Amino acid sequence: MTQARRVTVRGRVQGVGFRAWLRDTGQETGVSGWVRNSPHGTVEAHLEGDGAALDAMIDRLGTGPSAARVDGVDAAAAEPEGCRGMEIRG
């Protein structure tokens, strides 16, 4: 059963390739959804997949790409949107 999470990643996460890394990591782990930079300096993502894949993905967000510094990851349950693949938005 597909589950969804809305995630906000805080720290030095813009301008360091975080969105592309998240897209690629989502493709590797079988997680679909979208990712975007927020005007608040965070990265926001909507993730969909099975529970184990989502948990693994959220754990990996705590590290991010090598150029990033992740200070925190907030995740909350969300309604699935029927996403296919991982998309970078704005």
PDB file of N, CA and C in Angstrom:
ATOM      1  N   MET A   1       0.840  -1.193   0.000  1.00  0.00           N
ATOM      2  CA  MET A   1       0.000   0.000   0.000  1.00  0.00           C
ATOM      3  C   MET A   1       0.879   1.249   0.000  1.00  0.00           C
ATOM      4  N   THR A   2       0.568   2.166  -0.881  1.00  0.00           N
ATOM      5  CA  THR A   2       1.354   3.387  -1.001  1.00  0.00           C
ATOM      6  C   THR A   2       1.051   4.324   0.161  1.00  0.00           C
ATOM      7  N   GLN A   3       2.115   4.797   0.779  1.00  0.00           N
ATOM      8  CA  GLN A   3       2.029   5.804   1.830  1.00  0.00           C
ATOM      9  C   GLN A   3       2.723   7.062   1.325  1.00  0.00           C
ATOM     10  N   ALA A   4       2.515   8.163   2.013  1.00  0.00           N
ATOM     11  CA  ALA A   4       3.147   9.425   1.617  1.00  0.00           C
ATOM     12  C   ALA A   4       3.614  10.191   2.846  1.00  0.00           C
ATOM     13  N   ARG A   5       4.674  10.958   2.658  1.00  0.00           N
ATOM     14  CA  ARG A   5       5.198  11.829   3.700  1.00  0.00           C
ATOM     15  C   ARG A   5       5.531  13.181   3.079  1.00  0.00           C
ATOM     16  N   ARG A   6       5.264  14.248   3.810  1.00  0.00           N
ATOM     17  CA  ARG A   6       5.706  15.592   3.443  1.00  0.00           C
ATOM     18  C   ARG A   6       6.916  15.877   4.329  1.00  0.00           C
ATOM     19  N   VAL A   7       8.022  16.252   3.709  1.00  0.00           N
ATOM     20  CA  VAL A   7       9.294  16.368   4.416  1.00  0.00           C
ATOM     21  C   VAL A   7       9.876  17.766   4.216  1.00  0.00           C
ATOM     22  N   THR A   8      10.448  18.307   5.284  1.00  0.00           N
ATOM     23  CA  THR A   8      11.212  19.549   5.219  1.00  0.00           C
ATOM     24  C   THR A   8      12.609  19.259   5.757  1.00  0.00           C
ATOM     25  N   VAL A   9      13.627  19.633   4.988  1.00  0.00           N
ATOM     26  CA  VAL A   9      15.014  19.418   5.385  1.00  0.00           C
ATOM     27  C   VAL A   9      15.632  20.784   5.648  1.00  0.00           C
ATOM     28  N   ARG A  10      16.195  20.952   6.860  1.00  0.00           N
ATOM     29  CA  ARG A  10      16.781  22.228   7.274  1.00  0.00           C
ATOM     30  C   ARG A  10      18.302  22.135   7.313  1.00  0.00           C
ATOM     31  N   GLY A  11      18.976  23.251   7.105  1.00  0.00           N
ATOM     32  CA  GLY A  11      20.431  23.329   7.151  1.00  0.00           C
ATOM     33  C   GLY A  11      20.953  24.001   5.897  1.00  0.00           C
ATOM     34  N   ARG A  12      22.191  23.665   5.527  1.00  0.00           N
ATOM     35  CA  ARG A  12      22.741  24.181   4.269  1.00  0.00           C
ATOM     36  C   ARG A  12      22.352  23.175   3.192  1.00  0.00           C
ATOM     37  N   VAL A  13      21.167  23.365   2.633  1.00  0.00           N
ATOM     38  CA  VAL A  13      20.585  22.384   1.721  1.00  0.00           C
ATOM     39  C   VAL A  13      20.214  22.984   0.360  1.00  0.00           C
ATOM     40  N   GLN A  14      20.427  24.267   0.182  1.00  0.00           N
ATOM     41  CA  GLN A  14      20.188  24.887  -1.125  1.00  0.00           C
ATOM     42  C   GLN A  14      21.529  25.273  -1.732  1.00  0.00           C
ATOM     43  N   GLY A  15      21.648  25.075  -3.046  1.00  0.00           N
ATOM     44  CA  GLY A  15      22.881  25.420  -3.739  1.00  0.00           C
ATOM     45  C   GLY A  15      23.983  24.386  -3.573  1.00  0.00           C
ATOM     46  N   VAL A  16      23.632  23.187  -3.106  1.00  0.00           N
ATOM     47  CA  VAL A  16      24.629  22.137  -2.870  1.00  0.00           C
ATOM     48  C   VAL A  16      24.261  20.832  -3.586  1.00  0.00           C
ATOM     49  N   GLY A  17      23.313  20.894  -4.521  1.00  0.00           N
ATOM     50  CA  GLY A  17      22.915  19.704  -5.259  1.00  0.00           C
ATOM     51  C   GLY A  17      21.952  18.794  -4.524  1.00  0.00           C
ATOM     52  N   PHE A  18      21.286  19.315  -3.492  1.00  0.00           N
ATOM     53  CA  PHE A  18      20.413  18.477  -2.675  1.00  0.00           C
ATOM     54  C   PHE A  18      19.223  17.948  -3.467  1.00  0.00           C
ATOM     55  N   ARG A  19      18.597  18.781  -4.277  1.00  0.00           N
ATOM     56  CA  ARG A  19      17.412  18.329  -5.021  1.00  0.00           C
ATOM     57  C   ARG A  19      17.761  17.227  -6.012  1.00  0.00           C
ATOM     58  N   ALA A  20      18.871  17.386  -6.737  1.00  0.00           N
ATOM     59  CA  ALA A  20      19.290  16.346  -7.677  1.00  0.00           C
ATOM     60  C   ALA A  20      19.659  15.065  -6.929  1.00  0.00           C
ATOM     61  N   TRP A  21      20.341  15.194  -5.811  1.00  0.00           N
ATOM     62  CA  TRP A  21      20.683  14.026  -4.996  1.00  0.00           C
ATOM     63  C   TRP A  21      19.417  13.322  -4.516  1.00  0.00           C
ATOM     64  N   LEU A  22      18.427  14.086  -4.057  1.00  0.00           N
ATOM     65  CA  LEU A  22      17.181  13.482  -3.588  1.00  0.00           C
ATOM     66  C   LEU A  22      16.457  12.781  -4.730  1.00  0.00           C
ATOM     67  N   ARG A  23      16.434  13.393  -5.905  1.00  0.00           N
ATOM     68  CA  ARG A  23      15.812  12.757  -7.069  1.00  0.00           C
ATOM     69  C   ARG A  23      16.488  11.426  -7.369  1.00  0.00           C
ATOM     70  N   ASP A  24      17.817  11.432  -7.420  1.00  0.00           N
ATOM     71  CA  ASP A  24      18.559  10.216  -7.737  1.00  0.00           C
ATOM     72  C   ASP A  24      18.388   9.154  -6.653  1.00  0.00           C
ATOM     73  N   THR A  25      18.399   9.563  -5.407  1.00  0.00           N
ATOM     74  CA  THR A  25      18.225   8.627  -4.293  1.00  0.00           C
ATOM     75  C   THR A  25      16.815   8.052  -4.305  1.00  0.00           C
ATOM     76  N   GLY A  26      15.830   8.863  -4.640  1.00  0.00           N
ATOM     77  CA  GLY A  26      14.460   8.367  -4.756  1.00  0.00           C
ATOM     78  C   GLY A  26      14.343   7.307  -5.827  1.00  0.00           C
ATOM     79  N   GLN A  27      15.003   7.535  -6.946  1.00  0.00           N
ATOM     80  CA  GLN A  27      14.971   6.557  -8.028  1.00  0.00           C
ATOM     81  C   GLN A  27      15.637   5.257  -7.596  1.00  0.00           C
ATOM     82  N   GLU A  28      16.738   5.343  -6.837  1.00  0.00           N
ATOM     83  CA  GLU A  28      17.441   4.153  -6.349  1.00  0.00           C
ATOM     84  C   GLU A  28      16.601   3.353  -5.361  1.00  0.00           C
ATOM     85  N   THR A  29      15.840   4.038  -4.530  1.00  0.00           N
ATOM     86  CA  THR A  29      15.099   3.375  -3.457  1.00  0.00           C
ATOM     87  C   THR A  29      13.656   3.056  -3.822  1.00  0.00           C
ATOM     88  N   GLY A  30      13.219   3.460  -5.035  1.00  0.00           N
ATOM     89  CA  GLY A  30      11.848   3.188  -5.442  1.00  0.00           C
ATOM     90  C   GLY A  30      10.824   4.130  -4.835  1.00  0.00           C
ATOM     91  N   VAL A  31      11.284   5.303  -4.404  1.00  0.00           N
ATOM     92  CA  VAL A  31      10.389   6.315  -3.837  1.00  0.00           C
ATOM     93  C   VAL A  31      10.056   7.328  -4.931  1.00  0.00           C
ATOM     94  N   SER A  32       8.803   7.679  -5.053  1.00  0.00           N
ATOM     95  CA  SER A  32       8.339   8.669  -6.023  1.00  0.00           C
ATOM     96  C   SER A  32       7.988   9.963  -5.306  1.00  0.00           C
ATOM     97  N   GLY A  33       7.764  11.021  -6.090  1.00  0.00           N
ATOM     98  CA  GLY A  33       7.313  12.282  -5.508  1.00  0.00           C
ATOM     99  C   GLY A  33       7.934  13.472  -6.187  1.00  0.00           C
ATOM    100  N   TRP A  34       8.122  14.521  -5.419  1.00  0.00           N
ATOM    101  CA  TRP A  34       8.721  15.743  -5.941  1.00  0.00           C
ATOM    102  C   TRP A  34       9.534  16.429  -4.847  1.00  0.00           C
ATOM    103  N   VAL A  35      10.441  17.307  -5.275  1.00  0.00           N
ATOM    104  CA  VAL A  35      11.302  18.056  -4.353  1.00  0.00           C
ATOM    105  C   VAL A  35      11.451  19.471  -4.896  1.00  0.00           C
ATOM    106  N   ARG A  36      11.538  20.440  -3.989  1.00  0.00           N
ATOM    107  CA  ARG A  36      11.714  21.841  -4.394  1.00  0.00           C
ATOM    108  C   ARG A  36      12.415  22.614  -3.283  1.00  0.00           C
ATOM    109  N   ASN A  37      13.049  23.714  -3.657  1.00  0.00           N
ATOM    110  CA  ASN A  37      13.582  24.658  -2.679  1.00  0.00           C
ATOM    111  C   ASN A  37      12.432  25.510  -2.176  1.00  0.00           C
ATOM    112  N   SER A  38      12.463  25.832  -0.903  1.00  0.00           N
ATOM    113  CA  SER A  38      11.451  26.736  -0.365  1.00  0.00           C
ATOM    114  C   SER A  38      12.066  28.120  -0.213  1.00  0.00           C
ATOM    115  N   PRO A  39      11.240  29.161  -0.140  1.00  0.00           N
ATOM    116  CA  PRO A  39      11.773  30.509   0.047  1.00  0.00           C
ATOM    117  C   PRO A  39      12.378  30.713   1.430  1.00  0.00           C
ATOM    118  N   HIS A  40      12.200  29.747   2.330  1.00  0.00           N
ATOM    119  CA  HIS A  40      12.718  29.850   3.705  1.00  0.00           C
ATOM    120  C   HIS A  40      14.108  29.264   3.846  1.00  0.00           C
ATOM    121  N   GLY A  41      14.716  28.805   2.717  1.00  0.00           N
ATOM    122  CA  GLY A  41      16.058  28.248   2.764  1.00  0.00           C
ATOM    123  C   GLY A  41      16.092  26.759   3.050  1.00  0.00           C
ATOM    124  N   THR A  42      14.934  26.129   3.090  1.00  0.00           N
ATOM    125  CA  THR A  42      14.856  24.694   3.311  1.00  0.00           C
ATOM    126  C   THR A  42      14.570  23.990   1.987  1.00  0.00           C
ATOM    127  N   VAL A  43      14.605  22.664   2.029  1.00  0.00           N
ATOM    128  CA  VAL A  43      14.169  21.858   0.897  1.00  0.00           C
ATOM    129  C   VAL A  43      12.909  21.130   1.336  1.00  0.00           C
ATOM    130  N   GLU A  44      11.872  21.188   0.497  1.00  0.00           N
ATOM    131  CA  GLU A  44      10.606  20.513   0.781  1.00  0.00           C
ATOM    132  C   GLU A  44      10.432  19.373  -0.210  1.00  0.00           C
ATOM    133  N   ALA A  45       9.879  18.273   0.274  1.00  0.00           N
ATOM    134  CA  ALA A  45       9.649  17.137  -0.614  1.00  0.00           C
ATOM    135  C   ALA A  45       8.353  16.447  -0.243  1.00  0.00           C
ATOM    136  N   HIS A  46       7.730  15.869  -1.249  1.00  0.00           N
ATOM    137  CA  HIS A  46       6.575  14.984  -1.067  1.00  0.00           C
ATOM    138  C   HIS A  46       7.059  13.632  -1.554  1.00  0.00           C
ATOM    139  N   LEU A  47       7.031  12.629  -0.668  1.00  0.00           N
ATOM    140  CA  LEU A  47       7.563  11.305  -0.975  1.00  0.00           C
ATOM    141  C   LEU A  47       6.454  10.276  -0.896  1.00  0.00           C
ATOM    142  N   GLU A  48       6.452   9.333  -1.835  1.00  0.00           N
ATOM    143  CA  GLU A  48       5.462   8.265  -1.854  1.00  0.00           C
ATOM    144  C   GLU A  48       6.144   6.924  -2.088  1.00  0.00           C
ATOM    145  N   GLY A  49       5.643   5.897  -1.407  1.00  0.00           N
ATOM    146  CA  GLY A  49       6.164   4.548  -1.582  1.00  0.00           C
ATOM    147  C   GLY A  49       5.671   3.669  -0.466  1.00  0.00           C
ATOM    148  N   ASP A  50       6.266   2.473  -0.329  1.00  0.00           N
ATOM    149  CA  ASP A  50       5.872   1.637   0.801  1.00  0.00           C
ATOM    150  C   ASP A  50       6.589   2.143   2.047  1.00  0.00           C
ATOM    151  N   GLY A  51       6.083   1.752   3.193  1.00  0.00           N
ATOM    152  CA  GLY A  51       6.580   2.283   4.460  1.00  0.00           C
ATOM    153  C   GLY A  51       8.068   2.103   4.667  1.00  0.00           C
ATOM    154  N   ALA A  52       8.599   0.911   4.340  1.00  0.00           N
ATOM    155  CA  ALA A  52      10.028   0.643   4.541  1.00  0.00           C
ATOM    156  C   ALA A  52      10.885   1.533   3.647  1.00  0.00           C
ATOM    157  N   ALA A  53      10.478   1.706   2.386  1.00  0.00           N
ATOM    158  CA  ALA A  53      11.235   2.560   1.466  1.00  0.00           C
ATOM    159  C   ALA A  53      11.211   4.016   1.930  1.00  0.00           C
ATOM    160  N   LEU A  54      10.059   4.483   2.415  1.00  0.00           N
ATOM    161  CA  LEU A  54       9.968   5.860   2.918  1.00  0.00           C
ATOM    162  C   LEU A  54      10.853   6.061   4.134  1.00  0.00           C
ATOM    163  N   ASP A  55      10.825   5.110   5.054  1.00  0.00           N
ATOM    164  CA  ASP A  55      11.670   5.221   6.253  1.00  0.00           C
ATOM    165  C   ASP A  55      13.143   5.266   5.875  1.00  0.00           C
ATOM    166  N   ALA A  56      13.553   4.404   4.935  1.00  0.00           N
ATOM    167  CA  ALA A  56      14.952   4.391   4.492  1.00  0.00           C
ATOM    168  C   ALA A  56      15.327   5.715   3.830  1.00  0.00           C
ATOM    169  N   MET A  57      14.436   6.244   3.017  1.00  0.00           N
ATOM    170  CA  MET A  57      14.702   7.506   2.329  1.00  0.00           C
ATOM    171  C   MET A  57      14.833   8.649   3.335  1.00  0.00           C
ATOM    172  N   ILE A  58      13.929   8.708   4.291  1.00  0.00           N
ATOM    173  CA  ILE A  58      13.972   9.777   5.294  1.00  0.00           C
ATOM    174  C   ILE A  58      15.252   9.681   6.122  1.00  0.00           C
ATOM    175  N   ASP A  59      15.689   8.464   6.436  1.00  0.00           N
ATOM    176  CA  ASP A  59      16.967   8.294   7.144  1.00  0.00           C
ATOM    177  C   ASP A  59      18.116   8.867   6.324  1.00  0.00           C
ATOM    178  N   ARG A  60      18.119   8.608   5.025  1.00  0.00           N
ATOM    179  CA  ARG A  60      19.192   9.099   4.156  1.00  0.00           C
ATOM    180  C   ARG A  60      19.163  10.619   4.026  1.00  0.00           C
ATOM    181  N   LEU A  61      17.981  11.219   4.156  1.00  0.00           N
ATOM    182  CA  LEU A  61      17.881  12.684   4.089  1.00  0.00           C
ATOM    183  C   LEU A  61      18.640  13.342   5.235  1.00  0.00           C
ATOM    184  N   GLY A  62      18.821  12.633   6.333  1.00  0.00           N
ATOM    185  CA  GLY A  62      19.552  13.173   7.472  1.00  0.00           C
ATOM    186  C   GLY A  62      21.019  13.426   7.184  1.00  0.00           C
ATOM    187  N   THR A  63      21.536  12.826   6.126  1.00  0.00           N
ATOM    188  CA  THR A  63      22.921  13.030   5.711  1.00  0.00           C
ATOM    189  C   THR A  63      22.990  13.897   4.476  1.00  0.00           C
ATOM    190  N   GLY A  64      22.223  13.537   3.442  1.00  0.00           N
ATOM    191  CA  GLY A  64      22.218  14.301   2.204  1.00  0.00           C
ATOM    192  C   GLY A  64      23.511  14.149   1.433  1.00  0.00           C
ATOM    193  N   PRO A  65      23.690  14.960   0.379  1.00  0.00           N
ATOM    194  CA  PRO A  65      24.918  14.895  -0.412  1.00  0.00           C
ATOM    195  C   PRO A  65      26.094  15.461   0.386  1.00  0.00           C
ATOM    196  N   SER A  66      27.302  15.179  -0.077  1.00  0.00           N
ATOM    197  CA  SER A  66      28.501  15.547   0.688  1.00  0.00           C
ATOM    198  C   SER A  66      28.637  17.054   0.927  1.00  0.00           C
ATOM    199  N   ALA A  67      28.156  17.893   0.022  1.00  0.00           N
ATOM    200  CA  ALA A  67      28.293  19.343   0.189  1.00  0.00           C
ATOM    201  C   ALA A  67      27.253  19.941   1.140  1.00  0.00           C
ATOM    202  N   ALA A  68      26.254  19.160   1.513  1.00  0.00           N
ATOM    203  CA  ALA A  68      25.175  19.669   2.377  1.00  0.00           C
ATOM    204  C   ALA A  68      25.544  19.539   3.857  1.00  0.00           C
ATOM    205  N   ARG A  69      24.866  20.327   4.668  1.00  0.00           N
ATOM    206  CA  ARG A  69      24.901  20.184   6.126  1.00  0.00           C
ATOM    207  C   ARG A  69      23.448  20.141   6.581  1.00  0.00           C
ATOM    208  N   VAL A  70      22.992  18.989   6.994  1.00  0.00           N
ATOM    209  CA  VAL A  70      21.599  18.825   7.404  1.00  0.00           C
ATOM    210  C   VAL A  70      21.500  19.041   8.910  1.00  0.00           C
ATOM    211  N   ASP A  71      20.690  20.034   9.299  1.00  0.00           N
ATOM    212  CA  ASP A  71      20.467  20.320  10.714  1.00  0.00           C
ATOM    213  C   ASP A  71      19.243  19.606  11.255  1.00  0.00           C
ATOM    214  N   GLY A  72      18.330  19.211  10.386  1.00  0.00           N
ATOM    215  CA  GLY A  72      17.130  18.514  10.844  1.00  0.00           C
ATOM    216  C   GLY A  72      16.240  18.129   9.690  1.00  0.00           C
ATOM    217  N   VAL A  73      15.450  17.078   9.927  1.00  0.00           N
ATOM    218  CA  VAL A  73      14.486  16.596   8.945  1.00  0.00           C
ATOM    219  C   VAL A  73      13.153  16.447   9.659  1.00  0.00           C
ATOM    220  N   ASP A  74      12.142  17.126   9.166  1.00  0.00           N
ATOM    221  CA  ASP A  74      10.789  17.010   9.709  1.00  0.00           C
ATOM    222  C   ASP A  74       9.940  16.266   8.695  1.00  0.00           C
ATOM    223  N   ALA A  75       9.265  15.215   9.138  1.00  0.00           N
ATOM    224  CA  ALA A  75       8.426  14.421   8.240  1.00  0.00           C
ATOM    225  C   ALA A  75       7.056  14.228   8.870  1.00  0.00           C
ATOM    226  N   ALA A  76       6.029  14.339   8.060  1.00  0.00           N
ATOM    227  CA  ALA A  76       4.654  14.157   8.528  1.00  0.00           C
ATOM    228  C   ALA A  76       3.882  13.351   7.489  1.00  0.00           C
ATOM    229  N   ALA A  77       2.922  12.591   7.947  1.00  0.00           N
ATOM    230  CA  ALA A  77       2.074  11.821   7.039  1.00  0.00           C
ATOM    231  C   ALA A  77       1.355  12.766   6.090  1.00  0.00           C
ATOM    232  N   ALA A  78       1.155  12.306   4.863  1.00  0.00           N
ATOM    233  CA  ALA A  78       0.466  13.101   3.841  1.00  0.00           C
ATOM    234  C   ALA A  78      -0.403  12.166   3.008  1.00  0.00           C
ATOM    235  N   GLU A  79      -1.249  12.758   2.201  1.00  0.00           N
ATOM    236  CA  GLU A  79      -2.089  11.982   1.289  1.00  0.00           C
ATOM    237  C   GLU A  79      -1.310  11.697   0.008  1.00  0.00           C
ATOM    238  N   PRO A  80      -1.307  10.467  -0.479  1.00  0.00           N
ATOM    239  CA  PRO A  80      -0.649  10.176  -1.749  1.00  0.00           C
ATOM    240  C   PRO A  80      -1.260  10.991  -2.892  1.00  0.00           C
ATOM    241  N   GLU A  81      -0.396  11.432  -3.804  1.00  0.00           N
ATOM    242  CA  GLU A  81      -0.828  12.207  -4.971  1.00  0.00           C
ATOM    243  C   GLU A  81      -0.772  11.377  -6.248  1.00  0.00           C
ATOM    244  N   GLY A  82      -0.343  10.134  -6.149  1.00  0.00           N
ATOM    245  CA  GLY A  82      -0.222   9.289  -7.329  1.00  0.00           C
ATOM    246  C   GLY A  82       0.999   9.613  -8.173  1.00  0.00           C
ATOM    247  N   CYS A  83       2.073  10.042  -7.541  1.00  0.00           N
ATOM    248  CA  CYS A  83       3.293  10.417  -8.255  1.00  0.00           C
ATOM    249  C   CYS A  83       3.937   9.200  -8.910  1.00  0.00           C
ATOM    250  N   ARG A  84       4.561   9.445 -10.049  1.00  0.00           N
ATOM    251  CA  ARG A  84       5.335   8.418 -10.755  1.00  0.00           C
ATOM    252  C   ARG A  84       6.729   8.994 -10.992  1.00  0.00           C
ATOM    253  N   GLY A  85       7.732   8.388 -10.411  1.00  0.00           N
ATOM    254  CA  GLY A  85       9.093   8.909 -10.523  1.00  0.00           C
ATOM    255  C   GLY A  85       9.301  10.065  -9.566  1.00  0.00           C
ATOM    256  N   MET A  86      10.507  10.612  -9.569  1.00  0.00           N
ATOM    257  CA  MET A  86      10.866  11.724  -8.697  1.00  0.00           C
ATOM    258  C   MET A  86      11.127  12.953  -9.565  1.00  0.00           C
ATOM    259  N   GLU A  87      10.451  14.051  -9.268  1.00  0.00           N
ATOM    260  CA  GLU A  87      10.500  15.266 -10.069  1.00  0.00           C
ATOM    261  C   GLU A  87      11.091  16.417  -9.260  1.00  0.00           C
ATOM    262  N   ILE A  88      11.961  17.189  -9.891  1.00  0.00           N
ATOM    263  CA  ILE A  88      12.456  18.423  -9.279  1.00  0.00           C
ATOM    264  C   ILE A  88      11.531  19.537  -9.721  1.00  0.00           C
ATOM    265  N   ARG A  89      11.008  20.259  -8.748  1.00  0.00           N
ATOM    266  CA  ARG A  89      10.149  21.429  -9.026  1.00  0.00           C
ATOM    267  C   ARG A  89      10.867  22.683  -8.592  1.00  0.00           C
ATOM    268  N   GLY A  90      10.668  23.751  -9.321  1.00  0.00           N
ATOM    269  CA  GLY A  90      11.188  25.066  -9.033  1.00  0.00           C
ATOM    270  C   GLY A  90      12.228  25.265  -8.056  1.00  0.00           C
TER     271      GLY A  90
END
